[in-house]
Protein backbone atom coordinates (compact mmCIF):
# COMPACT_ATOMS: atom_id res chain seq x y z
CA MET A 1 -29.35 -4.91 -0.67
CA LEU A 2 -26.31 -3.94 -2.71
CA SER A 3 -23.88 -1.31 -1.49
CA GLY A 4 -20.52 0.14 -2.35
CA ILE A 5 -17.31 -0.19 -0.39
CA ASN A 6 -16.70 2.70 2.00
CA ILE A 7 -12.91 3.07 2.09
CA LYS A 8 -12.86 5.22 5.23
CA GLU A 9 -15.02 2.67 7.08
CA LYS A 10 -12.66 -0.12 6.04
CA LEU A 11 -9.67 1.90 7.24
CA ARG A 12 -11.32 2.31 10.66
CA GLN A 13 -11.07 -1.48 11.00
CA ILE A 14 -7.27 -1.42 10.77
CA ASP A 15 -5.34 -0.98 14.04
CA GLU A 16 -1.75 -1.72 13.03
CA HIS A 17 0.51 0.32 10.75
CA TRP A 18 1.95 -1.41 7.67
CA SER A 19 -0.68 -4.19 7.82
CA PRO A 20 -2.67 -4.01 4.59
CA ALA A 21 -6.10 -5.63 4.33
CA ILE A 22 -8.00 -6.66 1.21
CA ILE A 23 -11.24 -4.75 0.56
CA GLY A 24 -11.99 -5.97 -2.95
CA GLU A 25 -10.90 -7.96 -5.97
CA ILE A 26 -10.95 -7.12 -9.66
CA ASN A 27 -9.82 -9.78 -12.10
CA ASP A 28 -6.62 -11.14 -10.53
CA TYR A 29 -5.90 -7.97 -8.53
CA HIS A 30 -6.46 -7.12 -4.90
CA ILE A 31 -7.58 -3.70 -3.74
CA LYS A 32 -5.98 -3.13 -0.35
CA VAL A 33 -6.10 -0.44 2.32
CA ALA A 34 -3.42 0.31 4.88
CA LYS A 35 -2.45 2.77 7.55
CA ILE A 36 1.20 3.70 7.38
CA LYS A 37 3.49 5.63 9.69
CA GLY A 38 7.27 5.80 9.86
CA GLU A 39 9.59 4.15 7.37
CA PHE A 40 8.97 0.91 5.50
CA VAL A 41 11.80 -1.24 4.08
CA TRP A 42 13.58 -0.76 0.78
CA HIS A 43 12.16 -3.37 -1.60
CA LYS A 44 11.06 -4.05 -5.16
CA HIS A 45 8.52 -6.18 -6.98
CA ASP A 46 10.18 -7.87 -9.95
CA ASP A 47 6.96 -8.98 -11.64
CA THR A 48 4.44 -6.20 -11.04
CA ASP A 49 3.82 -2.49 -10.84
CA GLU A 50 2.38 -1.14 -7.56
CA LEU A 51 -0.18 1.67 -7.31
CA PHE A 52 -0.35 3.90 -4.21
CA LEU A 53 -3.38 6.19 -3.71
CA VAL A 54 -3.45 8.52 -0.68
CA ILE A 55 -6.86 8.78 1.00
CA GLU A 56 -5.78 10.85 4.02
CA GLY A 57 -2.47 12.37 5.05
CA ASN A 58 0.86 12.65 3.26
CA MET A 59 3.59 10.23 2.31
CA LYS A 60 6.80 10.00 0.35
CA ILE A 61 8.07 7.19 -1.79
CA ALA A 62 11.86 7.13 -1.81
CA LEU A 63 13.27 5.89 -5.10
CA GLY A 64 16.84 5.24 -6.20
CA ASP A 65 16.99 8.53 -8.08
CA GLY A 66 14.87 10.77 -5.82
CA GLU A 67 11.52 10.76 -4.10
CA VAL A 68 7.85 11.38 -4.81
CA THR A 69 5.68 13.31 -2.36
CA LEU A 70 1.97 12.44 -2.28
CA GLY A 71 -0.96 14.11 -0.52
CA LYS A 72 -4.66 13.40 -0.22
CA GLY A 73 -6.04 12.39 -3.61
CA ASP A 74 -2.62 11.79 -5.20
CA LEU A 75 -1.49 8.51 -6.67
CA TYR A 76 1.79 7.13 -7.94
CA ILE A 77 2.67 3.94 -9.75
CA VAL A 78 6.00 2.33 -8.93
CA LYS A 79 7.04 0.34 -11.99
CA LYS A 80 8.08 -3.27 -11.58
CA GLY A 81 11.70 -3.82 -10.68
CA ILE A 82 12.14 -0.32 -9.17
CA GLU A 83 13.46 -0.33 -5.61
CA HIS A 84 11.40 1.92 -3.35
CA LYS A 85 10.65 2.74 0.30
CA PRO A 86 7.35 4.30 1.45
CA VAL A 87 7.66 6.80 4.32
CA ALA A 88 5.02 8.73 6.30
CA GLU A 89 6.02 11.13 9.07
CA LYS A 90 2.45 11.11 10.44
CA GLU A 91 -0.23 8.47 9.98
CA CYS A 92 -1.32 8.22 6.36
CA HIS A 93 -4.18 6.16 4.88
CA ILE A 94 -3.62 4.56 1.49
CA VAL A 95 -5.16 2.27 -1.11
CA LEU A 96 -2.97 -0.20 -3.00
CA PHE A 97 -3.70 -2.03 -6.24
CA GLU A 98 -1.60 -5.16 -6.77
CA PRO A 99 -1.93 -8.63 -8.28
CA ALA A 100 -3.34 -11.17 -5.83
CA GLY A 101 -0.58 -12.81 -3.83
CA THR A 102 1.83 -9.86 -4.00
CA VAL A 103 3.90 -9.77 -0.82
CA ASN A 104 4.06 -6.27 0.68
CA THR A 105 7.85 -6.32 1.15
CA GLY A 106 8.55 -7.76 -2.31
CA ASN A 107 12.08 -9.13 -2.42
CA ALA A 108 12.95 -8.01 1.15
CA GLU A 109 12.01 -10.28 4.02
CA SER A 110 11.51 -8.33 7.27
CA GLU A 111 9.39 -8.10 10.41
CA LEU A 112 6.96 -6.02 8.31
CA THR A 113 6.34 -8.83 5.80
CA LYS A 114 2.66 -9.82 5.68
CA ARG A 115 1.73 -12.96 3.74
CA ASN A 116 -1.81 -13.85 4.80
CA LEU A 117 -3.86 -10.68 4.52
CA SER A 118 -7.27 -10.41 6.06
CA LYS A 119 -10.31 -9.51 4.00
CA ILE A 120 -12.41 -6.80 5.57
């Protein structure tokens, strides 16, 4: 029997903050979910835009010239080459759309870098 992907159910399977998991693929893009809390690292993606969609909670995306505040149902696209840092004071649930193989920390190697994402 065919069924859709329940984003909230997929998010329940994630235990660690800043550890995205793949929930679907469209063309050469991955649809990812993540739970975030605290500050990420400043980074950029030289070859791709990055879409953030908030499912639950609130977050900010710090940019070189300001910041964007997002709440439930909001999305923002960080254009390629733009340095940014996601921040969530409280736990926030997000969906990301990125080309397959995109490393979460872009050009910045850190303890938060995740290369081999699980598919859930």
